[in-house]
PDB file of all heavy atoms in Angstrom:
ATOM      1  N   PHE A   1     100.866 -29.031  11.332  1.00  0.00           N
ATOM      2  CA  PHE A   1      99.691 -28.859  12.179  1.00  0.00           C
ATOM      3  C   PHE A   1      99.466 -30.054  13.105  1.00  0.00           C
ATOM      4  O   PHE A   1      99.193 -29.893  14.296  1.00  0.00           O
ATOM      5  CB  PHE A   1      98.438 -28.644  11.319  1.00  0.00           C
ATOM      6  CG  PHE A   1      97.189 -28.481  12.136  1.00  0.00           C
ATOM      7  CD1 PHE A   1      96.940 -27.289  12.810  1.00  0.00           C
ATOM      8  CD2 PHE A   1      96.280 -29.516  12.260  1.00  0.00           C
ATOM      9  CE1 PHE A   1      95.792 -27.144  13.594  1.00  0.00           C
ATOM     10  CE2 PHE A   1      95.143 -29.391  13.038  1.00  0.00           C
ATOM     11  CZ  PHE A   1      94.894 -28.189  13.700  1.00  0.00           C
ATOM     12  N   ALA A   2      99.578 -31.275  12.565  1.00  0.00           N
ATOM     13  CA  ALA A   2      99.255 -32.471  13.347  1.00  0.00           C
ATOM     14  C   ALA A   2     100.117 -32.616  14.591  1.00  0.00           C
ATOM     15  O   ALA A   2      99.681 -33.185  15.602  1.00  0.00           O
ATOM     16  CB  ALA A   2      99.397 -33.712  12.469  1.00  0.00           C
ATOM     17  N   LEU A   3     101.347 -32.101  14.536  1.00  0.00           N
ATOM     18  CA  LEU A   3     102.257 -32.223  15.678  1.00  0.00           C
ATOM     19  C   LEU A   3     102.383 -30.929  16.477  1.00  0.00           C
ATOM     20  O   LEU A   3     103.190 -30.834  17.392  1.00  0.00           O
ATOM     21  CB  LEU A   3     103.630 -32.676  15.200  1.00  0.00           C
ATOM     22  CG  LEU A   3     103.664 -34.051  14.511  1.00  0.00           C
ATOM     23  CD1 LEU A   3     105.068 -34.369  14.023  1.00  0.00           C
ATOM     24  CD2 LEU A   3     103.156 -35.148  15.440  1.00  0.00           C
ATOM     25  N   SER A   4     101.551 -29.945  16.130  1.00  0.00           N
ATOM     26  CA  SER A   4     101.606 -28.655  16.813  1.00  0.00           C
ATOM     27  C   SER A   4     100.805 -28.688  18.116  1.00  0.00           C
ATOM     28  O   SER A   4     100.045 -29.618  18.376  1.00  0.00           O
ATOM     29  CB  SER A   4     101.034 -27.554  15.914  1.00  0.00           C
ATOM     30  OG  SER A   4      99.625 -27.700  15.781  1.00  0.00           O
ATOM     31  N   GLU A   5     100.966 -27.651  18.917  1.00  0.00           N
ATOM     32  CA  GLU A   5     100.205 -27.550  20.162  1.00  0.00           C
ATOM     33  C   GLU A   5      98.722 -27.306  19.889  1.00  0.00           C
ATOM     34  O   GLU A   5      97.888 -27.564  20.749  1.00  0.00           O
ATOM     35  CB  GLU A   5     100.775 -26.420  21.024  1.00  0.00           C
ATOM     36  CG  GLU A   5     102.187 -26.683  21.530  1.00  0.00           C
ATOM     37  CD  GLU A   5     102.697 -25.579  22.432  1.00  0.00           C
ATOM     38  OE1 GLU A   5     101.925 -24.615  22.674  1.00  0.00           O
ATOM     39  OE2 GLU A   5     103.842 -25.677  22.893  1.00  0.00           O
ATOM     40  N   THR A   6      98.404 -26.825  18.712  1.00  0.00           N
ATOM     41  CA  THR A   6      97.017 -26.532  18.356  1.00  0.00           C
ATOM     42  C   THR A   6      96.205 -27.791  18.087  1.00  0.00           C
ATOM     43  O   THR A   6      95.001 -27.839  18.371  1.00  0.00           O
ATOM     44  CB  THR A   6      96.969 -25.632  17.100  1.00  0.00           C
ATOM     45  OG1 THR A   6      97.769 -24.482  17.333  1.00  0.00           O
ATOM     46  CG2 THR A   6      95.548 -25.214  16.775  1.00  0.00           C
ATOM     47  N   ALA A   7      96.840 -28.821  17.555  1.00  0.00           N
ATOM     48  CA  ALA A   7      96.130 -30.033  17.138  1.00  0.00           C
ATOM     49  C   ALA A   7      95.553 -30.785  18.336  1.00  0.00           C
ATOM     50  O   ALA A   7      96.157 -30.837  19.411  1.00  0.00           O
ATOM     51  CB  ALA A   7      97.070 -30.939  16.364  1.00  0.00           C
ATOM     52  N   ASP A   8      94.374 -31.359  18.132  1.00  0.00           N
ATOM     53  CA  ASP A   8      93.710 -32.184  19.140  1.00  0.00           C
ATOM     54  C   ASP A   8      94.118 -33.635  18.911  1.00  0.00           C
ATOM     55  O   ASP A   8      93.618 -34.296  18.005  1.00  0.00           O
ATOM     56  CB  ASP A   8      92.191 -32.019  19.010  1.00  0.00           C
ATOM     57  CG  ASP A   8      91.416 -32.847  20.020  1.00  0.00           C
ATOM     58  OD1 ASP A   8      92.048 -33.488  20.888  1.00  0.00           O
ATOM     59  OD2 ASP A   8      90.167 -32.860  19.944  1.00  0.00           O
ATOM     60  N   ARG A   9      95.054 -34.134  19.705  1.00  0.00           N
ATOM     61  CA  ARG A   9      95.539 -35.511  19.592  1.00  0.00           C
ATOM     62  C   ARG A   9      94.969 -36.329  20.746  1.00  0.00           C
ATOM     63  O   ARG A   9      95.149 -35.992  21.913  1.00  0.00           O
ATOM     64  CB  ARG A   9      97.069 -35.546  19.607  1.00  0.00           C
ATOM     65  CG  ARG A   9      97.707 -34.906  18.385  1.00  0.00           C
ATOM     66  CD  ARG A   9      99.215 -35.060  18.384  1.00  0.00           C
ATOM     67  NE  ARG A   9      99.830 -34.334  19.490  1.00  0.00           N
ATOM     68  CZ  ARG A   9     100.175 -33.054  19.450  1.00  0.00           C
ATOM     69  NH1 ARG A   9      99.939 -32.338  18.364  1.00  0.00           N
ATOM     70  NH2 ARG A   9     100.726 -32.470  20.498  1.00  0.00           N
ATOM     71  N   ARG A  10      94.311 -37.438  20.388  1.00  0.00           N
ATOM     72  CA  ARG A  10      93.626 -38.251  21.390  1.00  0.00           C
ATOM     73  C   ARG A  10      94.119 -39.696  21.348  1.00  0.00           C
ATOM     74  O   ARG A  10      94.482 -40.193  20.273  1.00  0.00           O
ATOM     75  CB  ARG A  10      92.115 -38.255  21.115  1.00  0.00           C
ATOM     76  CG  ARG A  10      91.509 -36.877  20.978  1.00  0.00           C
ATOM     77  CD  ARG A  10      90.035 -36.950  20.636  1.00  0.00           C
ATOM     78  NE  ARG A  10      89.469 -35.615  20.447  1.00  0.00           N
ATOM     79  CZ  ARG A  10      88.183 -35.374  20.211  1.00  0.00           C
ATOM     80  NH1 ARG A  10      87.322 -36.389  20.148  1.00  0.00           N
ATOM     81  NH2 ARG A  10      87.746 -34.136  20.041  1.00  0.00           N
ATOM     82  N   PRO A  11      94.092 -40.385  22.482  1.00  0.00           N
ATOM     83  CA  PRO A  11      94.389 -41.822  22.449  1.00  0.00           C
ATOM     84  C   PRO A  11      93.393 -42.531  21.541  1.00  0.00           C
ATOM     85  O   PRO A  11      92.200 -42.181  21.516  1.00  0.00           O
ATOM     86  CB  PRO A  11      94.211 -42.259  23.914  1.00  0.00           C
ATOM     87  CG  PRO A  11      94.376 -41.013  24.705  1.00  0.00           C
ATOM     88  CD  PRO A  11      93.830 -39.903  23.853  1.00  0.00           C
ATOM     89  N   PHE A  12      93.864 -43.511  20.793  1.00  0.00           N
ATOM     90  CA  PHE A  12      92.989 -44.206  19.859  1.00  0.00           C
ATOM     91  C   PHE A  12      91.857 -44.902  20.611  1.00  0.00           C
ATOM     92  O   PHE A  12      92.075 -45.628  21.579  1.00  0.00           O
ATOM     93  CB  PHE A  12      93.761 -45.236  19.041  1.00  0.00           C
ATOM     94  CG  PHE A  12      92.927 -45.884  17.979  1.00  0.00           C
ATOM     95  CD1 PHE A  12      92.907 -45.368  16.696  1.00  0.00           C
ATOM     96  CD2 PHE A  12      92.131 -46.988  18.267  1.00  0.00           C
ATOM     97  CE1 PHE A  12      92.112 -45.932  15.714  1.00  0.00           C
ATOM     98  CE2 PHE A  12      91.341 -47.568  17.295  1.00  0.00           C
ATOM     99  CZ  PHE A  12      91.327 -47.041  16.014  1.00  0.00           C
ATOM    100  N   ASP A  13      90.626 -44.676  20.145  1.00  0.00           N
ATOM    101  CA  ASP A  13      89.450 -45.315  20.708  1.00  0.00           C
ATOM    102  C   ASP A  13      88.572 -45.762  19.550  1.00  0.00           C
ATOM    103  O   ASP A  13      88.060 -44.928  18.798  1.00  0.00           O
ATOM    104  CB  ASP A  13      88.686 -44.342  21.614  1.00  0.00           C
ATOM    105  CG  ASP A  13      87.448 -44.986  22.230  1.00  0.00           C
ATOM    106  OD1 ASP A  13      87.568 -45.573  23.311  1.00  0.00           O
ATOM    107  OD2 ASP A  13      86.367 -44.898  21.601  1.00  0.00           O
ATOM    108  N   LEU A  14      88.391 -47.059  19.380  1.00  0.00           N
ATOM    109  CA  LEU A  14      87.680 -47.597  18.229  1.00  0.00           C
ATOM    110  C   LEU A  14      86.265 -47.055  18.124  1.00  0.00           C
ATOM    111  O   LEU A  14      85.830 -46.649  17.038  1.00  0.00           O
ATOM    112  CB  LEU A  14      87.666 -49.124  18.279  1.00  0.00           C
ATOM    113  CG  LEU A  14      86.958 -49.817  17.113  1.00  0.00           C
ATOM    114  CD1 LEU A  14      87.611 -49.460  15.779  1.00  0.00           C
ATOM    115  CD2 LEU A  14      86.957 -51.338  17.325  1.00  0.00           C
ATOM    116  N   GLU A  15      85.535 -47.036  19.229  1.00  0.00           N
ATOM    117  CA  GLU A  15      84.152 -46.564  19.184  1.00  0.00           C
ATOM    118  C   GLU A  15      84.074 -45.116  18.711  1.00  0.00           C
ATOM    119  O   GLU A  15      83.231 -44.755  17.892  1.00  0.00           O
ATOM    120  CB  GLU A  15      83.506 -46.705  20.570  1.00  0.00           C
ATOM    121  CG  GLU A  15      83.299 -48.129  21.037  1.00  0.00           C
ATOM    122  CD  GLU A  15      82.239 -48.859  20.213  1.00  0.00           C
ATOM    123  OE1 GLU A  15      81.405 -48.182  19.581  1.00  0.00           O
ATOM    124  OE2 GLU A  15      82.258 -50.103  20.204  1.00  0.00           O
ATOM    125  N   GLU A  16      84.969 -44.290  19.218  1.00  0.00           N
ATOM    126  CA  GLU A  16      84.961 -42.885  18.829  1.00  0.00           C
ATOM    127  C   GLU A  16      85.330 -42.722  17.360  1.00  0.00           C
ATOM    128  O   GLU A  16      84.702 -41.935  16.623  1.00  0.00           O
ATOM    129  CB  GLU A  16      85.933 -42.088  19.704  1.00  0.00           C
ATOM    130  CG  GLU A  16      85.904 -40.595  19.413  1.00  0.00           C
ATOM    131  CD  GLU A  16      86.824 -39.790  20.306  1.00  0.00           C
ATOM    132  OE1 GLU A  16      87.532 -40.391  21.148  1.00  0.00           O
ATOM    133  OE2 GLU A  16      86.857 -38.551  20.143  1.00  0.00           O
ATOM    134  N   VAL A  17      86.334 -43.463  16.908  1.00  0.00           N
ATOM    135  CA  VAL A  17      86.758 -43.369  15.515  1.00  0.00           C
ATOM    136  C   VAL A  17      85.629 -43.750  14.566  1.00  0.00           C
ATOM    137  O   VAL A  17      85.379 -43.074  13.557  1.00  0.00           O
ATOM    138  CB  VAL A  17      87.996 -44.256  15.272  1.00  0.00           C
ATOM    139  CG1 VAL A  17      88.275 -44.410  13.779  1.00  0.00           C
ATOM    140  CG2 VAL A  17      89.208 -43.671  15.980  1.00  0.00           C
ATOM    141  N   LEU A  18      84.927 -44.830  14.869  1.00  0.00           N
ATOM    142  CA  LEU A  18      83.865 -45.304  13.983  1.00  0.00           C
ATOM    143  C   LEU A  18      82.720 -44.312  13.861  1.00  0.00           C
ATOM    144  O   LEU A  18      81.956 -44.351  12.887  1.00  0.00           O
ATOM    145  CB  LEU A  18      83.326 -46.648  14.481  1.00  0.00           C
ATOM    146  CG  LEU A  18      84.305 -47.826  14.444  1.00  0.00           C
ATOM    147  CD1 LEU A  18      83.650 -49.071  15.004  1.00  0.00           C
ATOM    148  CD2 LEU A  18      84.822 -48.079  13.032  1.00  0.00           C
ATOM    149  N   GLN A  19      82.622 -43.412  14.817  1.00  0.00           N
ATOM    150  CA  GLN A  19      81.529 -42.435  14.791  1.00  0.00           C
ATOM    151  C   GLN A  19      81.991 -41.033  14.394  1.00  0.00           C
ATOM    152  O   GLN A  19      81.193 -40.095  14.407  1.00  0.00           O
ATOM    153  CB  GLN A  19      80.861 -42.388  16.164  1.00  0.00           C
ATOM    154  CG  GLN A  19      80.190 -43.711  16.538  1.00  0.00           C
ATOM    155  CD  GLN A  19      79.516 -43.661  17.888  1.00  0.00           C
ATOM    156  OE1 GLN A  19      78.847 -42.688  18.222  1.00  0.00           O
ATOM    157  NE2 GLN A  19      79.685 -44.718  18.674  1.00  0.00           N
ATOM    158  N   THR A  20      83.252 -40.896  14.020  1.00  0.00           N
ATOM    159  CA  THR A  20      83.791 -39.580  13.685  1.00  0.00           C
ATOM    160  C   THR A  20      83.873 -39.411  12.172  1.00  0.00           C
ATOM    161  O   THR A  20      84.682 -40.081  11.520  1.00  0.00           O
ATOM    162  CB  THR A  20      85.192 -39.390  14.300  1.00  0.00           C
ATOM    163  OG1 THR A  20      85.114 -39.583  15.726  1.00  0.00           O
ATOM    164  CG2 THR A  20      85.710 -37.992  14.002  1.00  0.00           C
ATOM    165  N   PRO A  21      83.051 -38.545  11.566  1.00  0.00           N
ATOM    166  CA  PRO A  21      83.128 -38.328  10.108  1.00  0.00           C
ATOM    167  C   PRO A  21      84.497 -37.799   9.711  1.00  0.00           C
ATOM    168  O   PRO A  21      85.160 -37.100  10.475  1.00  0.00           O
ATOM    169  CB  PRO A  21      82.045 -37.266   9.853  1.00  0.00           C
ATOM    170  CG  PRO A  21      81.121 -37.369  11.029  1.00  0.00           C
ATOM    171  CD  PRO A  21      81.992 -37.745  12.193  1.00  0.00           C
ATOM    172  N   TYR A  22      84.939 -38.156   8.512  1.00  0.00           N
ATOM    173  CA  TYR A  22      86.242 -37.664   8.080  1.00  0.00           C
ATOM    174  C   TYR A  22      86.120 -36.313   7.386  1.00  0.00           C
ATOM    175  O   TYR A  22      85.062 -35.925   6.909  1.00  0.00           O
ATOM    176  CB  TYR A  22      86.990 -38.666   7.210  1.00  0.00           C
ATOM    177  CG  TYR A  22      86.183 -39.471   6.230  1.00  0.00           C
ATOM    178  CD1 TYR A  22      85.776 -38.939   5.025  1.00  0.00           C
ATOM    179  CD2 TYR A  22      85.862 -40.800   6.517  1.00  0.00           C
ATOM    180  CE1 TYR A  22      85.062 -39.699   4.113  1.00  0.00           C
ATOM    181  CE2 TYR A  22      85.151 -41.567   5.615  1.00  0.00           C
ATOM    182  CZ  TYR A  22      84.745 -41.006   4.415  1.00  0.00           C
ATOM    183  OH  TYR A  22      84.031 -41.760   3.517  1.00  0.00           O
ATOM    184  N   ILE A  23      87.224 -35.605   7.362  1.00  0.00           N
ATOM    185  CA  ILE A  23      87.285 -34.243   6.834  1.00  0.00           C
ATOM    186  C   ILE A  23      88.250 -34.229   5.654  1.00  0.00           C
ATOM    187  O   ILE A  23      89.393 -34.663   5.767  1.00  0.00           O
ATOM    188  CB  ILE A  23      87.776 -33.261   7.921  1.00  0.00           C
ATOM    189  CG1 ILE A  23      86.779 -33.238   9.075  1.00  0.00           C
ATOM    190  CG2 ILE A  23      87.986 -31.869   7.349  1.00  0.00           C
ATOM    191  CD1 ILE A  23      87.278 -32.489  10.284  1.00  0.00           C
ATOM    192  N   LYS A  24      87.783 -33.694   4.510  1.00  0.00           N
ATOM    193  CA  LYS A  24      88.612 -33.711   3.303  1.00  0.00           C
ATOM    194  C   LYS A  24      89.102 -32.332   2.872  1.00  0.00           C
ATOM    195  O   LYS A  24      90.004 -32.242   2.055  1.00  0.00           O
ATOM    196  CB  LYS A  24      87.837 -34.350   2.144  1.00  0.00           C
ATOM    197  CG  LYS A  24      87.531 -35.824   2.342  1.00  0.00           C
ATOM    198  CD  LYS A  24      86.858 -36.400   1.108  1.00  0.00           C
ATOM    199  CE  LYS A  24      86.621 -37.893   1.264  1.00  0.00           C
ATOM    200  NZ  LYS A  24      85.966 -38.475   0.056  1.00  0.00           N
ATOM    201  N   ASP A  25      88.485 -31.271   3.388  1.00  0.00           N
ATOM    202  CA  ASP A  25      88.780 -29.942   2.839  1.00  0.00           C
ATOM    203  C   ASP A  25      89.546 -29.030   3.794  1.00  0.00           C
ATOM    204  O   ASP A  25      89.710 -27.845   3.529  1.00  0.00           O
ATOM    205  CB  ASP A  25      87.482 -29.260   2.400  1.00  0.00           C
ATOM    206  CG  ASP A  25      86.483 -29.117   3.534  1.00  0.00           C
ATOM    207  OD1 ASP A  25      86.731 -29.675   4.629  1.00  0.00           O
ATOM    208  OD2 ASP A  25      85.452 -28.462   3.335  1.00  0.00           O
ATOM    209  N   LYS A  26      90.021 -29.590   4.917  1.00  0.00           N
ATOM    210  CA  LYS A  26      90.823 -28.802   5.852  1.00  0.00           C
ATOM    211  C   LYS A  26      91.579 -29.761   6.758  1.00  0.00           C
ATOM    212  O   LYS A  26      91.399 -30.983   6.678  1.00  0.00           O
ATOM    213  CB  LYS A  26      89.942 -27.862   6.676  1.00  0.00           C
ATOM    214  CG  LYS A  26      88.867 -28.571   7.489  1.00  0.00           C
ATOM    215  CD  LYS A  26      88.003 -27.573   8.257  1.00  0.00           C
ATOM    216  CE  LYS A  26      86.927 -28.293   9.064  1.00  0.00           C
ATOM    217  NZ  LYS A  26      86.083 -27.354   9.826  1.00  0.00           N
ATOM    218  N   PHE A  27      92.423 -29.217   7.632  1.00  0.00           N
ATOM    219  CA  PHE A  27      93.137 -30.069   8.576  1.00  0.00           C
ATOM    220  C   PHE A  27      92.138 -30.794   9.466  1.00  0.00           C
ATOM    221  O   PHE A  27      91.039 -30.301   9.739  1.00  0.00           O
ATOM    222  CB  PHE A  27      94.080 -29.244   9.444  1.00  0.00           C
ATOM    223  CG  PHE A  27      95.203 -28.593   8.678  1.00  0.00           C
ATOM    224  CD1 PHE A  27      95.763 -27.406   9.121  1.00  0.00           C
ATOM    225  CD2 PHE A  27      95.716 -29.163   7.527  1.00  0.00           C
ATOM    226  CE1 PHE A  27      96.807 -26.798   8.436  1.00  0.00           C
ATOM    227  CE2 PHE A  27      96.760 -28.576   6.819  1.00  0.00           C
ATOM    228  CZ  PHE A  27      97.300 -27.379   7.284  1.00  0.00           C
ATOM    229  N   GLN A  28      92.534 -31.955   9.951  1.00  0.00           N
ATOM    230  CA  GLN A  28      91.649 -32.754  10.783  1.00  0.00           C
ATOM    231  C   GLN A  28      91.372 -32.071  12.122  1.00  0.00           C
ATOM    232  O   GLN A  28      92.241 -31.403  12.692  1.00  0.00           O
ATOM    233  CB  GLN A  28      92.267 -34.132  11.036  1.00  0.00           C
ATOM    234  CG  GLN A  28      92.582 -34.899   9.765  1.00  0.00           C
ATOM    235  CD  GLN A  28      91.375 -35.092   8.869  1.00  0.00           C
ATOM    236  OE1 GLN A  28      90.380 -35.702   9.268  1.00  0.00           O
ATOM    237  NE2 GLN A  28      91.452 -34.557   7.656  1.00  0.00           N
ATOM    238  N   GLU A  29      90.142 -32.231  12.610  1.00  0.00           N
ATOM    239  CA  GLU A  29      89.771 -31.635  13.891  1.00  0.00           C
ATOM    240  C   GLU A  29      90.287 -32.460  15.060  1.00  0.00           C
ATOM    241  O   GLU A  29      90.372 -31.962  16.189  1.00  0.00           O
ATOM    242  CB  GLU A  29      88.257 -31.485  13.974  1.00  0.00           C
ATOM    243  CG  GLU A  29      87.721 -30.465  12.975  1.00  0.00           C
ATOM    244  CD  GLU A  29      86.216 -30.307  13.036  1.00  0.00           C
ATOM    245  OE1 GLU A  29      85.560 -31.047  13.818  1.00  0.00           O
ATOM    246  OE2 GLU A  29      85.680 -29.459  12.303  1.00  0.00           O
ATOM    247  N   GLN A  30      90.623 -33.723  14.807  1.00  0.00           N
ATOM    248  CA  GLN A  30      91.226 -34.559  15.827  1.00  0.00           C
ATOM    249  C   GLN A  30      92.074 -35.631  15.155  1.00  0.00           C
ATOM    250  O   GLN A  30      91.808 -36.042  14.030  1.00  0.00           O
ATOM    251  CB  GLN A  30      90.195 -35.209  16.750  1.00  0.00           C
ATOM    252  CG  GLN A  30      89.196 -36.110  16.048  1.00  0.00           C
ATOM    253  CD  GLN A  30      88.062 -35.350  15.430  1.00  0.00           C
ATOM    254  OE1 GLN A  30      87.384 -34.579  16.115  1.00  0.00           O
ATOM    255  NE2 GLN A  30      87.824 -35.552  14.143  1.00  0.00           N
ATOM    256  N   TYR A  31      93.106 -36.049  15.863  1.00  0.00           N
ATOM    257  CA  TYR A  31      93.976 -37.129  15.408  1.00  0.00           C
ATOM    258  C   TYR A  31      93.992 -38.189  16.505  1.00  0.00           C
ATOM    259  O   TYR A  31      93.992 -37.864  17.705  1.00  0.00           O
ATOM    260  CB  TYR A  31      95.398 -36.625  15.163  1.00  0.00           C
ATOM    261  CG  TYR A  31      95.494 -35.535  14.126  1.00  0.00           C
ATOM    262  CD1 TYR A  31      95.357 -34.195  14.491  1.00  0.00           C
ATOM    263  CD2 TYR A  31      95.717 -35.834  12.785  1.00  0.00           C
ATOM    264  CE1 TYR A  31      95.442 -33.189  13.541  1.00  0.00           C
ATOM    265  CE2 TYR A  31      95.804 -34.826  11.825  1.00  0.00           C
ATOM    266  CZ  TYR A  31      95.662 -33.510  12.214  1.00  0.00           C
ATOM    267  OH  TYR A  31      95.726 -32.512  11.270  1.00  0.00           O
ATOM    268  N   PHE A  32      94.035 -39.445  16.105  1.00  0.00           N
ATOM    269  CA  PHE A  32      94.016 -40.539  17.066  1.00  0.00           C
ATOM    270  C   PHE A  32      95.389 -41.210  17.099  1.00  0.00           C
ATOM    271  O   PHE A  32      95.941 -41.563  16.054  1.00  0.00           O
ATOM    272  CB  PHE A  32      92.922 -41.538  16.700  1.00  0.00           C
ATOM    273  CG  PHE A  32      91.537 -40.942  16.797  1.00  0.00           C
ATOM    274  CD1 PHE A  32      90.927 -40.382  15.684  1.00  0.00           C
ATOM    275  CD2 PHE A  32      90.867 -40.908  18.013  1.00  0.00           C
ATOM    276  CE1 PHE A  32      89.659 -39.812  15.763  1.00  0.00           C
ATOM    277  CE2 PHE A  32      89.593 -40.345  18.114  1.00  0.00           C
ATOM    278  CZ  PHE A  32      88.995 -39.792  16.978  1.00  0.00           C
ATOM    279  N   VAL A  33      95.913 -41.382  18.305  1.00  0.00           N
ATOM    280  CA  VAL A  33      97.295 -41.823  18.493  1.00  0.00           C
ATOM    281  C   VAL A  33      97.326 -43.260  19.006  1.00  0.00           C
ATOM    282  O   VAL A  33      96.756 -43.565  20.065  1.00  0.00           O
ATOM    283  CB  VAL A  33      98.034 -40.900  19.493  1.00  0.00           C
ATOM    284  CG1 VAL A  33      99.503 -41.304  19.585  1.00  0.00           C
ATOM    285  CG2 VAL A  33      97.889 -39.440  19.084  1.00  0.00           C
ATOM    286  N   LEU A  34      97.999 -44.144  18.262  1.00  0.00           N
ATOM    287  CA  LEU A  34      98.192 -45.520  18.710  1.00  0.00           C
ATOM    288  C   LEU A  34      99.267 -45.583  19.785  1.00  0.00           C
ATOM    289  O   LEU A  34     100.213 -44.792  19.781  1.00  0.00           O
ATOM    290  CB  LEU A  34      98.629 -46.403  17.540  1.00  0.00           C
ATOM    291  CG  LEU A  34      97.699 -46.537  16.337  1.00  0.00           C
ATOM    292  CD1 LEU A  34      98.374 -47.387  15.266  1.00  0.00           C
ATOM    293  CD2 LEU A  34      96.367 -47.123  16.732  1.00  0.00           C
ATOM    294  N   ASP A  35      99.148 -46.556  20.689  1.00  0.00           N
ATOM    295  CA  ASP A  35     100.203 -46.782  21.684  1.00  0.00           C
ATOM    296  C   ASP A  35     101.457 -47.342  21.017  1.00  0.00           C
ATOM    297  O   ASP A  35     102.580 -47.059  21.448  1.00  0.00           O
ATOM    298  CB  ASP A  35      99.715 -47.752  22.759  1.00  0.00           C
ATOM    299  CG  ASP A  35      98.644 -47.127  23.640  1.00  0.00           C
ATOM    300  OD1 ASP A  35      98.667 -45.890  23.816  1.00  0.00           O
ATOM    301  OD2 ASP A  35      97.780 -47.868  24.135  1.00  0.00           O
ATOM    302  N   ASP A  36     101.286 -48.159  20.011  1.00  0.00           N
ATOM    303  CA  ASP A  36     102.359 -48.658  19.156  1.00  0.00           C
ATOM    304  C   ASP A  36     101.712 -49.205  17.900  1.00  0.00           C
ATOM    305  O   ASP A  36     100.501 -49.409  17.840  1.00  0.00           O
ATOM    306  CB  ASP A  36     103.208 -49.731  19.855  1.00  0.00           C
ATOM    307  CG  ASP A  36     102.375 -50.920  20.317  1.00  0.00           C
ATOM    308  OD1 ASP A  36     101.794 -51.613  19.455  1.00  0.00           O
ATOM    309  OD2 ASP A  36     102.294 -51.144  21.527  1.00  0.00           O
ATOM    310  N   LEU A  37     102.497 -49.448  16.871  1.00  0.00           N
ATOM    311  CA  LEU A  37     101.925 -49.849  15.587  1.00  0.00           C
ATOM    312  C   LEU A  37     101.240 -51.212  15.668  1.00  0.00           C
ATOM    313  O   LEU A  37     100.251 -51.460  14.963  1.00  0.00           O
ATOM    314  CB  LEU A  37     103.003 -49.853  14.503  1.00  0.00           C
ATOM    315  CG  LEU A  37     102.458 -49.664  13.084  1.00  0.00           C
ATOM    316  CD1 LEU A  37     101.887 -48.260  12.901  1.00  0.00           C
ATOM    317  CD2 LEU A  37     103.541 -49.941  12.056  1.00  0.00           C
ATOM    318  N   GLU A  38     101.749 -52.078  16.520  1.00  0.00           N
ATOM    319  CA  GLU A  38     101.154 -53.404  16.664  1.00  0.00           C
ATOM    320  C   GLU A  38      99.697 -53.336  17.117  1.00  0.00           C
ATOM    321  O   GLU A  38      98.943 -54.305  16.955  1.00  0.00           O
ATOM    322  CB  GLU A  38     101.972 -54.246  17.646  1.00  0.00           C
ATOM    323  CG  GLU A  38     103.335 -54.667  17.137  1.00  0.00           C
ATOM    324  CD  GLU A  38     103.263 -55.752  16.074  1.00  0.00           C
ATOM    325  OE1 GLU A  38     102.252 -56.476  16.036  1.00  0.00           O
ATOM    326  OE2 GLU A  38     104.221 -55.856  15.298  1.00  0.00           O
ATOM    327  N   GLN A  39      99.285 -52.219  17.657  1.00  0.00           N
ATOM    328  CA  GLN A  39      97.892 -52.047  18.066  1.00  0.00           C
ATOM    329  C   GLN A  39      96.941 -52.209  16.882  1.00  0.00           C
ATOM    330  O   GLN A  39      95.768 -52.548  17.065  1.00  0.00           O
ATOM    331  CB  GLN A  39      97.696 -50.676  18.725  1.00  0.00           C
ATOM    332  CG  GLN A  39      96.343 -50.486  19.401  1.00  0.00           C
ATOM    333  CD  GLN A  39      96.228 -49.123  20.072  1.00  0.00           C
ATOM    334  OE1 GLN A  39      97.201 -48.366  20.164  1.00  0.00           O
ATOM    335  NE2 GLN A  39      95.041 -48.800  20.543  1.00  0.00           N
ATOM    336  N   LEU A  40      97.434 -51.974  15.676  1.00  0.00           N
ATOM    337  CA  LEU A  40      96.594 -52.153  14.489  1.00  0.00           C
ATOM    338  C   LEU A  40      96.048 -53.576  14.406  1.00  0.00           C
ATOM    339  O   LEU A  40      94.921 -53.793  13.949  1.00  0.00           O
ATOM    340  CB  LEU A  40      97.377 -51.817  13.222  1.00  0.00           C
ATOM    341  CG  LEU A  40      97.710 -50.338  12.994  1.00  0.00           C
ATOM    342  CD1 LEU A  40      98.622 -50.193  11.777  1.00  0.00           C
ATOM    343  CD2 LEU A  40      96.454 -49.503  12.832  1.00  0.00           C
TER     344      LEU A  40
END
């Protein structure tokens, strides 16, 4: 699902992530994509 055309993949944005509740009982409604791992 995460790599499908259906998934909502967004550029990583700290402000948005901090305000997005997590989901435990189904696939995620959005995924955040780093430009590279060093961005961590």
